[in-house]
C-alpha atoms as a PDB file:
ATOM      1  CA  UNK A   1      38.342  90.708 112.638  1.00  0.00           C
ATOM      2  CA  UNK A   2      40.879  87.984 113.542  1.00  0.00           C
ATOM      3  CA  UNK A   3      41.502  87.382 117.236  1.00  0.00           C
ATOM      4  CA  UNK A   4      44.857  88.640 118.463  1.00  0.00           C
ATOM      5  CA  UNK A   5      46.303  87.724 121.812  1.00  0.00           C
ATOM      6  CA  UNK A   6      46.841  90.718 124.080  1.00  0.00           C
ATOM      7  CA  UNK A   7      50.611  90.749 124.502  1.00  0.00           C
ATOM      8  CA  UNK A   8      52.629  93.489 126.169  1.00  0.00           C
ATOM      9  CA  UNK A   9      56.359  93.830 125.702  1.00  0.00           C
ATOM     10  CA  UNK A  10      57.045  92.947 129.322  1.00  0.00           C
ATOM     11  CA  UNK A  11      54.868  89.846 129.151  1.00  0.00           C
ATOM     12  CA  UNK A  12      56.533  88.775 125.905  1.00  0.00           C
ATOM     13  CA  UNK A  13      60.010  89.125 127.409  1.00  0.00           C
ATOM     14  CA  UNK A  14      59.049  87.177 130.536  1.00  0.00           C
ATOM     15  CA  UNK A  15      57.377  84.375 128.570  1.00  0.00           C
ATOM     16  CA  UNK A  16      60.414  84.142 126.291  1.00  0.00           C
ATOM     17  CA  UNK A  17      62.733  83.747 129.283  1.00  0.00           C
ATOM     18  CA  UNK A  18      60.522  81.037 130.782  1.00  0.00           C
ATOM     19  CA  UNK A  19      61.389  78.851 127.799  1.00  0.00           C
ATOM     20  CA  UNK A  20      65.010  78.912 128.960  1.00  0.00           C
ATOM     21  CA  UNK A  21      65.424  77.241 132.375  1.00  0.00           C
ATOM     22  CA  UNK A  22      68.849  78.819 132.869  1.00  0.00           C
ATOM     23  CA  UNK A  23      67.448  82.359 132.582  1.00  0.00           C
ATOM     24  CA  UNK A  24      67.767  84.515 135.702  1.00  0.00           C
ATOM     25  CA  UNK A  25      65.337  87.304 134.796  1.00  0.00           C
ATOM     26  CA  UNK A  26      68.089  89.917 134.600  1.00  0.00           C
ATOM     27  CA  UNK A  27      67.809  90.354 130.841  1.00  0.00           C
ATOM     28  CA  UNK A  28      64.042  90.786 131.170  1.00  0.00           C
ATOM     29  CA  UNK A  29      64.526  93.527 133.737  1.00  0.00           C
ATOM     30  CA  UNK A  30      67.155  95.191 131.565  1.00  0.00           C
ATOM     31  CA  UNK A  31      64.866  95.255 128.518  1.00  0.00           C
ATOM     32  CA  UNK A  32      62.002  96.572 130.648  1.00  0.00           C
ATOM     33  CA  UNK A  33      64.197  99.467 131.816  1.00  0.00           C
ATOM     34  CA  UNK A  34      65.035 100.236 128.180  1.00  0.00           C
ATOM     35  CA  UNK A  35      61.331 100.262 127.314  1.00  0.00           C
ATOM     36  CA  UNK A  36      60.685 102.784 130.078  1.00  0.00           C
ATOM     37  CA  UNK A  37      63.438 105.044 128.759  1.00  0.00           C
ATOM     38  CA  UNK A  38      61.932 104.756 125.266  1.00  0.00           C
ATOM     39  CA  UNK A  39      58.537 105.907 126.563  1.00  0.00           C
ATOM     40  CA  UNK A  40      60.085 109.000 128.136  1.00  0.00           C
ATOM     41  CA  UNK A  41      62.083 109.883 125.027  1.00  0.00           C
ATOM     42  CA  UNK A  42      59.019 109.277 122.845  1.00  0.00           C
ATOM     43  CA  UNK A  43      56.988 111.710 124.940  1.00  0.00           C
ATOM     44  CA  UNK A  44      59.583 114.441 124.494  1.00  0.00           C
ATOM     45  CA  UNK A  45      60.012 113.767 120.777  1.00  0.00           C
ATOM     46  CA  UNK A  46      56.267 114.047 120.242  1.00  0.00           C
ATOM     47  CA  UNK A  47      56.072 117.448 121.924  1.00  0.00           C
ATOM     48  CA  UNK A  48      59.413 118.709 120.638  1.00  0.00           C
ATOM     49  CA  UNK A  49      57.834 121.557 118.703  1.00  0.00           C
ATOM     50  CA  UNK A  50      56.016 122.815 121.788  1.00  0.00           C
ATOM     51  CA  UNK A  51      58.873 123.100 124.269  1.00  0.00           C
ATOM     52  CA  UNK A  52      62.333 124.623 124.268  1.00  0.00           C
ATOM     53  CA  UNK A  53      64.063 121.434 123.231  1.00  0.00           C
ATOM     54  CA  UNK A  54      64.766 121.877 119.537  1.00  0.00           C
ATOM     55  CA  UNK A  55      67.938 123.281 118.090  1.00  0.00           C
ATOM     56  CA  UNK A  56      71.621 122.930 118.879  1.00  0.00           C
ATOM     57  CA  UNK A  57      73.383 123.125 122.238  1.00  0.00           C
ATOM     58  CA  UNK A  58      76.374 124.901 120.728  1.00  0.00           C
ATOM     59  CA  UNK A  59      78.620 121.888 121.356  1.00  0.00           C
ATOM     60  CA  UNK A  60      80.004 119.205 119.061  1.00  0.00           C
ATOM     61  CA  UNK A  61      80.274 115.484 119.821  1.00  0.00           C
ATOM     62  CA  UNK A  62      83.408 113.380 119.388  1.00  0.00           C
ATOM     63  CA  UNK A  63      82.580 112.894 115.689  1.00  0.00           C
ATOM     64  CA  UNK A  64      82.664 116.659 115.023  1.00  0.00           C
ATOM     65  CA  UNK A  65      78.883 116.816 114.615  1.00  0.00           C
ATOM     66  CA  UNK A  66      76.794 119.589 116.165  1.00  0.00           C
ATOM     67  CA  UNK A  67      74.886 118.302 119.182  1.00  0.00           C
ATOM     68  CA  UNK A  68      71.158 118.953 119.401  1.00  0.00           C
ATOM     69  CA  UNK A  69      69.305 119.421 122.659  1.00  0.00           C
ATOM     70  CA  UNK A  70      67.197 116.308 122.162  1.00  0.00           C
ATOM     71  CA  UNK A  71      70.359 114.220 121.592  1.00  0.00           C
ATOM     72  CA  UNK A  72      71.561 115.130 125.057  1.00  0.00           C
ATOM     73  CA  UNK A  73      68.139 114.599 126.599  1.00  0.00           C
ATOM     74  CA  UNK A  74      67.869 111.061 125.143  1.00  0.00           C
ATOM     75  CA  UNK A  75      71.474 110.296 126.137  1.00  0.00           C
ATOM     76  CA  UNK A  76      70.898 111.343 129.745  1.00  0.00           C
ATOM     77  CA  UNK A  77      67.523 109.596 130.057  1.00  0.00           C
ATOM     78  CA  UNK A  78      69.021 106.298 128.921  1.00  0.00           C
ATOM     79  CA  UNK A  79      71.859 106.585 131.412  1.00  0.00           C
ATOM     80  CA  UNK A  80      69.517 107.471 134.281  1.00  0.00           C
ATOM     81  CA  UNK A  81      67.145 104.647 133.381  1.00  0.00           C
ATOM     82  CA  UNK A  82      69.868 102.020 133.103  1.00  0.00           C
ATOM     83  CA  UNK A  83      72.588 102.765 135.672  1.00  0.00           C
ATOM     84  CA  UNK A  84      70.750 101.821 138.872  1.00  0.00           C
ATOM     85  CA  UNK A  85      69.171  98.419 138.242  1.00  0.00           C
ATOM     86  CA  UNK A  86      72.216  96.329 139.103  1.00  0.00           C
ATOM     87  CA  UNK A  87      72.105  94.508 135.768  1.00  0.00           C
ATOM     88  CA  UNK A  88      75.014  96.299 134.038  1.00  0.00           C
ATOM     89  CA  UNK A  89      78.741  96.556 134.644  1.00  0.00           C
ATOM     90  CA  UNK A  90      79.396  99.272 132.046  1.00  0.00           C
ATOM     91  CA  UNK A  91      77.737 101.264 129.237  1.00  0.00           C
ATOM     92  CA  UNK A  92      78.901 103.106 126.121  1.00  0.00           C
ATOM     93  CA  UNK A  93      77.085 105.699 124.041  1.00  0.00           C
ATOM     94  CA  UNK A  94      77.661 107.186 120.629  1.00  0.00           C
ATOM     95  CA  UNK A  95      77.495 110.603 122.316  1.00  0.00           C
ATOM     96  CA  UNK A  96      80.184 109.830 124.906  1.00  0.00           C
ATOM     97  CA  UNK A  97      83.870 109.518 124.063  1.00  0.00           C
ATOM     98  CA  UNK A  98      84.762 107.262 126.980  1.00  0.00           C
ATOM     99  CA  UNK A  99      83.035 104.372 128.737  1.00  0.00           C
ATOM    100  CA  UNK A 100      80.084 105.222 130.968  1.00  0.00           C
ATOM    101  CA  UNK A 101      80.784 103.648 134.320  1.00  0.00           C
ATOM    102  CA  UNK A 102      78.053 102.358 136.600  1.00  0.00           C
ATOM    103  CA  UNK A 103      77.944 103.668 140.221  1.00  0.00           C
ATOM    104  CA  UNK A 104      80.174 101.484 142.411  1.00  0.00           C
ATOM    105  CA  UNK A 105      77.346  99.932 144.434  1.00  0.00           C
ATOM    106  CA  UNK A 106      75.358  99.069 141.277  1.00  0.00           C
ATOM    107  CA  UNK A 107      77.994  97.757 138.849  1.00  0.00           C
ATOM    108  CA  UNK A 108      77.539  94.131 139.851  1.00  0.00           C
ATOM    109  CA  UNK A 109      75.632  93.213 136.711  1.00  0.00           C
ATOM    110  CA  UNK A 110      76.796  90.731 134.110  1.00  0.00           C
ATOM    111  CA  UNK A 111      75.619  92.715 131.080  1.00  0.00           C
ATOM    112  CA  UNK A 112      77.049  95.479 128.900  1.00  0.00           C
ATOM    113  CA  UNK A 113      74.886  98.084 127.142  1.00  0.00           C
ATOM    114  CA  UNK A 114      75.870 100.070 124.047  1.00  0.00           C
ATOM    115  CA  UNK A 115      73.460 102.564 122.517  1.00  0.00           C
ATOM    116  CA  UNK A 116      72.878 105.320 120.009  1.00  0.00           C
ATOM    117  CA  UNK A 117      70.464 107.541 121.949  1.00  0.00           C
ATOM    118  CA  UNK A 118      68.997 109.383 118.973  1.00  0.00           C
ATOM    119  CA  UNK A 119      69.801 108.147 115.486  1.00  0.00           C
ATOM    120  CA  UNK A 120      68.870 110.551 112.685  1.00  0.00           C
ATOM    121  CA  UNK A 121      68.756 113.573 114.964  1.00  0.00           C
ATOM    122  CA  UNK A 122      69.549 115.926 112.073  1.00  0.00           C
ATOM    123  CA  UNK A 123      65.911 115.348 111.093  1.00  0.00           C
ATOM    124  CA  UNK A 124      64.419 116.433 114.430  1.00  0.00           C
ATOM    125  CA  UNK A 125      63.476 119.936 113.336  1.00  0.00           C
ATOM    126  CA  UNK A 126      61.626 118.758 110.219  1.00  0.00           C
ATOM    127  CA  UNK A 127      59.428 116.097 111.885  1.00  0.00           C
ATOM    128  CA  UNK A 128      61.078 113.097 110.203  1.00  0.00           C
ATOM    129  CA  UNK A 129      61.243 109.754 112.007  1.00  0.00           C
ATOM    130  CA  UNK A 130      64.233 109.275 114.311  1.00  0.00           C
ATOM    131  CA  UNK A 131      65.157 106.450 116.657  1.00  0.00           C
ATOM    132  CA  UNK A 132      67.164 104.816 119.429  1.00  0.00           C
ATOM    133  CA  UNK A 133      69.373 101.757 118.859  1.00  0.00           C
ATOM    134  CA  UNK A 134      70.707  99.456 121.578  1.00  0.00           C
ATOM    135  CA  UNK A 135      72.937  96.421 121.885  1.00  0.00           C
ATOM    136  CA  UNK A 136      73.486  94.094 124.861  1.00  0.00           C
ATOM    137  CA  UNK A 137      76.437  91.780 125.541  1.00  0.00           C
ATOM    138  CA  UNK A 138      77.512  89.611 128.441  1.00  0.00           C
ATOM    139  CA  UNK A 139      80.476  90.747 130.458  1.00  0.00           C
ATOM    140  CA  UNK A 140      83.824  89.177 129.501  1.00  0.00           C
ATOM    141  CA  UNK A 141      86.152  90.549 132.172  1.00  0.00           C
ATOM    142  CA  UNK A 142      86.495  88.750 135.478  1.00  0.00           C
ATOM    143  CA  UNK A 143      85.599  90.100 138.910  1.00  0.00           C
ATOM    144  CA  UNK A 144      82.755  92.282 140.081  1.00  0.00           C
ATOM    145  CA  UNK A 145      84.430  95.672 139.612  1.00  0.00           C
ATOM    146  CA  UNK A 146      83.854  98.217 136.876  1.00  0.00           C
ATOM    147  CA  UNK A 147      83.379  96.916 133.360  1.00  0.00           C
ATOM    148  CA  UNK A 148      86.262  97.416 130.959  1.00  0.00           C
ATOM    149  CA  UNK A 149      86.823  98.325 127.344  1.00  0.00           C
ATOM    150  CA  UNK A 150      87.223  94.647 126.471  1.00  0.00           C
ATOM    151  CA  UNK A 151      83.645  94.076 127.622  1.00  0.00           C
ATOM    152  CA  UNK A 152      82.411  96.529 125.001  1.00  0.00           C
ATOM    153  CA  UNK A 153      84.710  95.542 122.138  1.00  0.00           C
ATOM    154  CA  UNK A 154      83.084  92.217 121.354  1.00  0.00           C
ATOM    155  CA  UNK A 155      82.085  90.867 117.960  1.00  0.00           C
ATOM    156  CA  UNK A 156      78.467  91.404 116.999  1.00  0.00           C
ATOM    157  CA  UNK A 157      77.968  87.647 117.044  1.00  0.00           C
ATOM    158  CA  UNK A 158      78.373  87.823 120.842  1.00  0.00           C
ATOM    159  CA  UNK A 159      75.266  89.971 121.313  1.00  0.00           C
ATOM    160  CA  UNK A 160      72.601  88.507 123.578  1.00  0.00           C
ATOM    161  CA  UNK A 161      69.988  91.103 122.624  1.00  0.00           C
ATOM    162  CA  UNK A 162      69.589  94.096 120.356  1.00  0.00           C
ATOM    163  CA  UNK A 163      66.814  96.416 119.331  1.00  0.00           C
ATOM    164  CA  UNK A 164      65.678  99.808 118.183  1.00  0.00           C
ATOM    165  CA  UNK A 165      62.849 102.244 118.750  1.00  0.00           C
ATOM    166  CA  UNK A 166      61.390 104.333 115.932  1.00  0.00           C
ATOM    167  CA  UNK A 167      59.742 107.610 116.948  1.00  0.00           C
ATOM    168  CA  UNK A 168      57.471 108.292 113.997  1.00  0.00           C
ATOM    169  CA  UNK A 169      53.736 108.371 113.296  1.00  0.00           C
ATOM    170  CA  UNK A 170      53.699 105.814 116.100  1.00  0.00           C
ATOM    171  CA  UNK A 171      56.446 104.658 118.445  1.00  0.00           C
ATOM    172  CA  UNK A 172      57.607 101.123 117.636  1.00  0.00           C
ATOM    173  CA  UNK A 173      60.116  99.016 119.563  1.00  0.00           C
ATOM    174  CA  UNK A 174      61.698  96.075 117.715  1.00  0.00           C
ATOM    175  CA  UNK A 175      63.986  93.615 119.481  1.00  0.00           C
ATOM    176  CA  UNK A 176      65.593  90.195 119.356  1.00  0.00           C
ATOM    177  CA  UNK A 177      67.270  87.967 121.909  1.00  0.00           C
ATOM    178  CA  UNK A 178      68.442  85.534 119.241  1.00  0.00           C
ATOM    179  CA  UNK A 179      65.097  83.765 118.857  1.00  0.00           C
ATOM    180  CA  UNK A 180      63.276  85.769 116.206  1.00  0.00           C
ATOM    181  CA  UNK A 181      62.403  89.439 115.809  1.00  0.00           C
ATOM    182  CA  UNK A 182      59.340  91.061 117.360  1.00  0.00           C
ATOM    183  CA  UNK A 183      57.838  94.526 117.088  1.00  0.00           C
ATOM    184  CA  UNK A 184      55.723  96.372 119.645  1.00  0.00           C
ATOM    185  CA  UNK A 185      53.779  99.588 119.121  1.00  0.00           C
ATOM    186  CA  UNK A 186      53.320 102.014 121.999  1.00  0.00           C
ATOM    187  CA  UNK A 187      49.659 102.552 122.885  1.00  0.00           C
ATOM    188  CA  UNK A 188      49.694 106.030 124.481  1.00  0.00           C
ATOM    189  CA  UNK A 189      46.257 105.507 126.028  1.00  0.00           C
ATOM    190  CA  UNK A 190      47.558 102.758 128.332  1.00  0.00           C
ATOM    191  CA  UNK A 191      51.288 103.536 128.210  1.00  0.00           C
ATOM    192  CA  UNK A 192      52.252 100.037 127.102  1.00  0.00           C
ATOM    193  CA  UNK A 193      54.118  98.559 124.145  1.00  0.00           C
ATOM    194  CA  UNK A 194      51.759  96.014 122.544  1.00  0.00           C
ATOM    195  CA  UNK A 195      52.782  93.261 120.119  1.00  0.00           C
ATOM    196  CA  UNK A 196      52.044  94.468 116.598  1.00  0.00           C
ATOM    197  CA  UNK A 197      54.630  92.624 114.480  1.00  0.00           C
ATOM    198  CA  UNK A 198      54.937  88.970 115.421  1.00  0.00           C
ATOM    199  CA  UNK A 199      58.014  87.035 114.262  1.00  0.00           C
ATOM    200  CA  UNK A 200      59.159  89.522 111.627  1.00  0.00           C
ATOM    201  CA  UNK A 201      60.710  88.011 108.503  1.00  0.00           C
ATOM    202  CA  UNK A 202      62.375  90.214 105.915  1.00  0.00           C
ATOM    203  CA  UNK A 203      61.526  89.197 102.321  1.00  0.00           C
ATOM    204  CA  UNK A 204      64.376  87.297 100.653  1.00  0.00           C
ATOM    205  CA  UNK A 205      64.316  89.824  97.816  1.00  0.00           C
ATOM    206  CA  UNK A 206      62.995  93.346  97.861  1.00  0.00           C
ATOM    207  CA  UNK A 207      62.170  96.191  95.486  1.00  0.00           C
ATOM    208  CA  UNK A 208      63.717  99.092  97.426  1.00  0.00           C
ATOM    209  CA  UNK A 209      67.245 100.434  97.654  1.00  0.00           C
ATOM    210  CA  UNK A 210      68.174 103.061 100.220  1.00  0.00           C
ATOM    211  CA  UNK A 211      71.364 105.088  99.912  1.00  0.00           C
ATOM    212  CA  UNK A 212      72.496 108.694  99.641  1.00  0.00           C
ATOM    213  CA  UNK A 213      73.012 109.002  95.909  1.00  0.00           C
ATOM    214  CA  UNK A 214      74.319 112.526  96.436  1.00  0.00           C
ATOM    215  CA  UNK A 215      77.625 110.828  97.239  1.00  0.00           C
ATOM    216  CA  UNK A 216      77.666 108.862  93.963  1.00  0.00           C
ATOM    217  CA  UNK A 217      80.647 110.817  92.602  1.00  0.00           C
ATOM    218  CA  UNK A 218      82.829 109.575  95.486  1.00  0.00           C
ATOM    219  CA  UNK A 219      81.906 105.885  95.376  1.00  0.00           C
ATOM    220  CA  UNK A 220      83.976 102.968  94.165  1.00  0.00           C
ATOM    221  CA  UNK A 221      83.278 101.760  90.636  1.00  0.00           C
ATOM    222  CA  UNK A 222      81.693  98.459  91.714  1.00  0.00           C
ATOM    223  CA  UNK A 223      79.060 100.222  93.813  1.00  0.00           C
ATOM    224  CA  UNK A 224      78.285 102.665  90.996  1.00  0.00           C
ATOM    225  CA  UNK A 225      77.662  99.689  88.713  1.00  0.00           C
ATOM    226  CA  UNK A 226      75.399  98.061  91.300  1.00  0.00           C
ATOM    227  CA  UNK A 227      73.208 101.160  91.545  1.00  0.00           C
ATOM    228  CA  UNK A 228      72.978 101.343  87.742  1.00  0.00           C
ATOM    229  CA  UNK A 229      72.081  97.633  87.756  1.00  0.00           C
ATOM    230  CA  UNK A 230      69.184  98.317  90.146  1.00  0.00           C
ATOM    231  CA  UNK A 231      67.958 101.121  87.899  1.00  0.00           C
ATOM    232  CA  UNK A 232      67.928  99.017  84.725  1.00  0.00           C
ATOM    233  CA  UNK A 233      64.680  97.581  83.406  1.00  0.00           C
ATOM    234  CA  UNK A 234      64.577  93.777  83.532  1.00  0.00           C
ATOM    235  CA  UNK A 235      61.278  92.063  84.203  1.00  0.00           C
ATOM    236  CA  UNK A 236      62.867  88.704  84.959  1.00  0.00           C
ATOM    237  CA  UNK A 237      64.866  90.058  87.903  1.00  0.00           C
ATOM    238  CA  UNK A 238      62.221  92.549  89.077  1.00  0.00           C
ATOM    239  CA  UNK A 239      64.109  95.669  88.097  1.00  0.00           C
ATOM    240  CA  UNK A 240      64.153  98.623  88.273  1.00  0.00           C
ATOM    241  CA  UNK A 241      64.103  99.001  92.040  1.00  0.00           C
ATOM    242  CA  UNK A 242      62.565 101.990  93.793  1.00  0.00           C
ATOM    243  CA  UNK A 243      64.857 104.437  95.565  1.00  0.00           C
ATOM    244  CA  UNK A 244      63.751 105.368  99.096  1.00  0.00           C
ATOM    245  CA  UNK A 245      66.068 107.281 101.429  1.00  0.00           C
ATOM    246  CA  UNK A 246      64.905 109.019 104.598  1.00  0.00           C
ATOM    247  CA  UNK A 247      68.285 109.896 106.064  1.00  0.00           C
ATOM    248  CA  UNK A 248      67.508 108.350 109.453  1.00  0.00           C
ATOM    249  CA  UNK A 249      69.221 104.964 109.427  1.00  0.00           C
ATOM    250  CA  UNK A 250      66.838 103.341 111.880  1.00  0.00           C
ATOM    251  CA  UNK A 251      63.792 104.538 109.901  1.00  0.00           C
ATOM    252  CA  UNK A 252      65.230 103.395 106.554  1.00  0.00           C
ATOM    253  CA  UNK A 253      66.158 100.043 108.058  1.00  0.00           C
ATOM    254  CA  UNK A 254      62.726  99.530 109.635  1.00  0.00           C
ATOM    255  CA  UNK A 255      60.941 100.127 106.327  1.00  0.00           C
ATOM    256  CA  UNK A 256      63.200  97.696 104.486  1.00  0.00           C
ATOM    257  CA  UNK A 257      62.880  95.115 107.274  1.00  0.00           C
ATOM    258  CA  UNK A 258      59.120  95.087 106.727  1.00  0.00           C
ATOM    259  CA  UNK A 259      58.998  95.485 102.933  1.00  0.00           C
ATOM    260  CA  UNK A 260      62.340  94.048 101.848  1.00  0.00           C
ATOM    261  CA  UNK A 261      65.232  95.766 100.110  1.00  0.00           C
ATOM    262  CA  UNK A 262      68.753  96.947 100.817  1.00  0.00           C
ATOM    263  CA  UNK A 263      70.252  99.834 102.765  1.00  0.00           C
ATOM    264  CA  UNK A 264      73.759 100.941 101.814  1.00  0.00           C
ATOM    265  CA  UNK A 265      76.113 103.353 103.538  1.00  0.00           C
ATOM    266  CA  UNK A 266      79.442 102.647 101.811  1.00  0.00           C
ATOM    267  CA  UNK A 267      82.940 103.945 102.203  1.00  0.00           C
ATOM    268  CA  UNK A 268      83.945 106.604  99.675  1.00  0.00           C
ATOM    269  CA  UNK A 269      86.843 108.847  98.719  1.00  0.00           C
ATOM    270  CA  UNK A 270      86.088 111.245 101.575  1.00  0.00           C
ATOM    271  CA  UNK A 271      85.272 108.607 104.182  1.00  0.00           C
ATOM    272  CA  UNK A 272      87.495 105.576 103.480  1.00  0.00           C
ATOM    273  CA  UNK A 273      86.232 103.767 106.583  1.00  0.00           C
ATOM    274  CA  UNK A 274      82.572 104.591 106.044  1.00  0.00           C
ATOM    275  CA  UNK A 275      80.495 106.745 108.402  1.00  0.00           C
ATOM    276  CA  UNK A 276      78.214 104.480 110.420  1.00  0.00           C
ATOM    277  CA  UNK A 277      79.429 103.200 113.786  1.00  0.00           C
ATOM    278  CA  UNK A 278      80.084  99.484 114.116  1.00  0.00           C
ATOM    279  CA  UNK A 279      79.191  99.164 117.786  1.00  0.00           C
ATOM    280  CA  UNK A 280      76.214 101.511 118.072  1.00  0.00           C
ATOM    281  CA  UNK A 281      74.458 101.139 114.726  1.00  0.00           C
ATOM    282  CA  UNK A 282      75.756  98.376 112.472  1.00  0.00           C
ATOM    283  CA  UNK A 283      76.108  95.442 114.887  1.00  0.00           C
ATOM    284  CA  UNK A 284      72.706  95.712 116.602  1.00  0.00           C
ATOM    285  CA  UNK A 285      70.794  96.122 113.343  1.00  0.00           C
ATOM    286  CA  UNK A 286      72.855  93.381 111.683  1.00  0.00           C
ATOM    287  CA  UNK A 287      71.869  91.029 114.518  1.00  0.00           C
ATOM    288  CA  UNK A 288      68.207  91.912 114.042  1.00  0.00           C
ATOM    289  CA  UNK A 289      68.461  91.583 110.267  1.00  0.00           C
ATOM    290  CA  UNK A 290      70.010  88.103 110.428  1.00  0.00           C
ATOM    291  CA  UNK A 291      67.439  86.961 112.969  1.00  0.00           C
ATOM    292  CA  UNK A 292      64.747  88.064 110.509  1.00  0.00           C
ATOM    293  CA  UNK A 293      66.360  86.091 107.662  1.00  0.00           C
ATOM    294  CA  UNK A 294      68.404  88.905 106.123  1.00  0.00           C
ATOM    295  CA  UNK A 295      72.082  89.649 105.653  1.00  0.00           C
ATOM    296  CA  UNK A 296      74.556  92.355 106.682  1.00  0.00           C
ATOM    297  CA  UNK A 297      78.190  92.927 105.736  1.00  0.00           C
ATOM    298  CA  UNK A 298      80.775  95.594 104.999  1.00  0.00           C
ATOM    299  CA  UNK A 299      80.677  94.484 101.373  1.00  0.00           C
ATOM    300  CA  UNK A 300      83.210  91.714 101.967  1.00  0.00           C
ATOM    301  CA  UNK A 301      82.859  90.309 105.487  1.00  0.00           C
ATOM    302  CA  UNK A 302      79.825  89.325 107.540  1.00  0.00           C
ATOM    303  CA  UNK A 303      79.188  92.260 109.872  1.00  0.00           C
ATOM    304  CA  UNK A 304      78.784  90.133 113.004  1.00  0.00           C
ATOM    305  CA  UNK A 305      82.182  88.463 112.443  1.00  0.00           C
ATOM    306  CA  UNK A 306      84.191  91.696 112.464  1.00  0.00           C
ATOM    307  CA  UNK A 307      86.394  92.172 115.519  1.00  0.00           C
ATOM    308  CA  UNK A 308      86.051  95.776 116.710  1.00  0.00           C
ATOM    309  CA  UNK A 309      89.265  97.676 117.398  1.00  0.00           C
ATOM    310  CA  UNK A 310      87.902 100.834 118.995  1.00  0.00           C
ATOM    311  CA  UNK A 311      84.753 102.072 120.671  1.00  0.00           C
ATOM    312  CA  UNK A 312      83.694 104.510 117.961  1.00  0.00           C
ATOM    313  CA  UNK A 313      84.908 102.553 114.939  1.00  0.00           C
ATOM    314  CA  UNK A 314      83.263 103.415 111.634  1.00  0.00           C
ATOM    315  CA  UNK A 315      82.536 100.879 108.917  1.00  0.00           C
ATOM    316  CA  UNK A 316      80.789 100.507 105.526  1.00  0.00           C
ATOM    317  CA  UNK A 317      77.393  98.781 105.655  1.00  0.00           C
ATOM    318  CA  UNK A 318      75.267  96.705 103.269  1.00  0.00           C
ATOM    319  CA  UNK A 319      72.162  95.394 105.035  1.00  0.00           C
ATOM    320  CA  UNK A 320      68.769  94.017 104.093  1.00  0.00           C
ATOM    321  CA  UNK A 321      67.224  91.192 102.070  1.00  0.00           C
ATOM    322  CA  UNK A 322      69.481  88.173 101.592  1.00  0.00           C
ATOM    323  CA  UNK A 323      69.378  88.170  97.779  1.00  0.00           C
ATOM    324  CA  UNK A 324      69.905  91.912  97.432  1.00  0.00           C
ATOM    325  CA  UNK A 325      72.926  92.061  99.748  1.00  0.00           C
ATOM    326  CA  UNK A 326      74.514  89.073  97.997  1.00  0.00           C
ATOM    327  CA  UNK A 327      74.212  90.768  94.596  1.00  0.00           C
ATOM    328  CA  UNK A 328      75.617  94.027  96.005  1.00  0.00           C
ATOM    329  CA  UNK A 329      78.621  92.150  97.416  1.00  0.00           C
ATOM    330  CA  UNK A 330      79.298  90.568  94.040  1.00  0.00           C
ATOM    331  CA  UNK A 331      79.463  93.996  92.388  1.00  0.00           C
ATOM    332  CA  UNK A 332      81.605  95.518  95.144  1.00  0.00           C
ATOM    333  CA  UNK A 333      84.017  92.583  95.021  1.00  0.00           C
ATOM    334  CA  UNK A 334      84.305  92.789  91.239  1.00  0.00           C
ATOM    335  CA  UNK A 335      82.672  89.406  90.648  1.00  0.00           C
ATOM    336  CA  UNK A 336      79.774  90.831  88.645  1.00  0.00           C
ATOM    337  CA  UNK A 337      79.244  93.431  85.939  1.00  0.00           C
ATOM    338  CA  UNK A 338      76.321  95.270  84.369  1.00  0.00           C
ATOM    339  CA  UNK A 339      75.988  92.842  81.464  1.00  0.00           C
ATOM    340  CA  UNK A 340      75.143  89.904  83.764  1.00  0.00           C
ATOM    341  CA  UNK A 341      71.785  89.204  85.397  1.00  0.00           C
END
């Protein structure tokens, strides 16, 4: 059995910061607080069938979606874990319409946190993998008062860190600070995230496509052609691809990050702006994907270059292996047709 260095998440973060003399340790502390919140949420997810936590609250969130009890639990745990450390000036959550302000005596931090507390929560009751997604920026506004909307509405290219946690057969935390992508699996016997995926690199070309083909009727013609292209038999280009769609974005993305492939959530006739949220889902995973050697766009523009206009902005998404996303863009932009390889 090959020797593997014992590496906890906290140790990895600290050692990474030591390579940057200008680092203050604040980002390390911030990521450690996020890891603690992930452990608590993971514990509740794993016993969800045994306690009165499943089902709906009876409320709807700002997107008109029914809110489940575990959504609210994860949302509140993240706030409680992150609002007291003195590292943040403001937060924003997919479950909250307005900014989440830090208590006055603790909002001295220079960082901004945006998060989706429980991605894929419609799958909670059927024991399918769900996850948490987070994104960290540096404050833009001046002064030491409350953070502002402008601090949250930054391009994805301005992120200083991003990550996600998958609550599945095991709990895995994947993160980047702009120097590679690393994955850590939670060992419940010691309560620590241990390095399990060192310097993740997404294959340049995959064999998997992930999209909700139930919406095929409503798609644009270029995307329909791309899906047919993936389904055609052509040994030279490695087709047909295999369709794999879980319905939890973070779980679909994690599989494709490891194995290669493309995830697509496009705009359509019913949702002309797409459905995924730029700030809470698309930007953080686009940052991770690029750091792993992949590509992410809205079909036309690099995702990380898009200037957000509102906190809960929706956007189409094409993300995954570099080659696969490039080909998808060519179809969507009308530069390619089914008779070309």
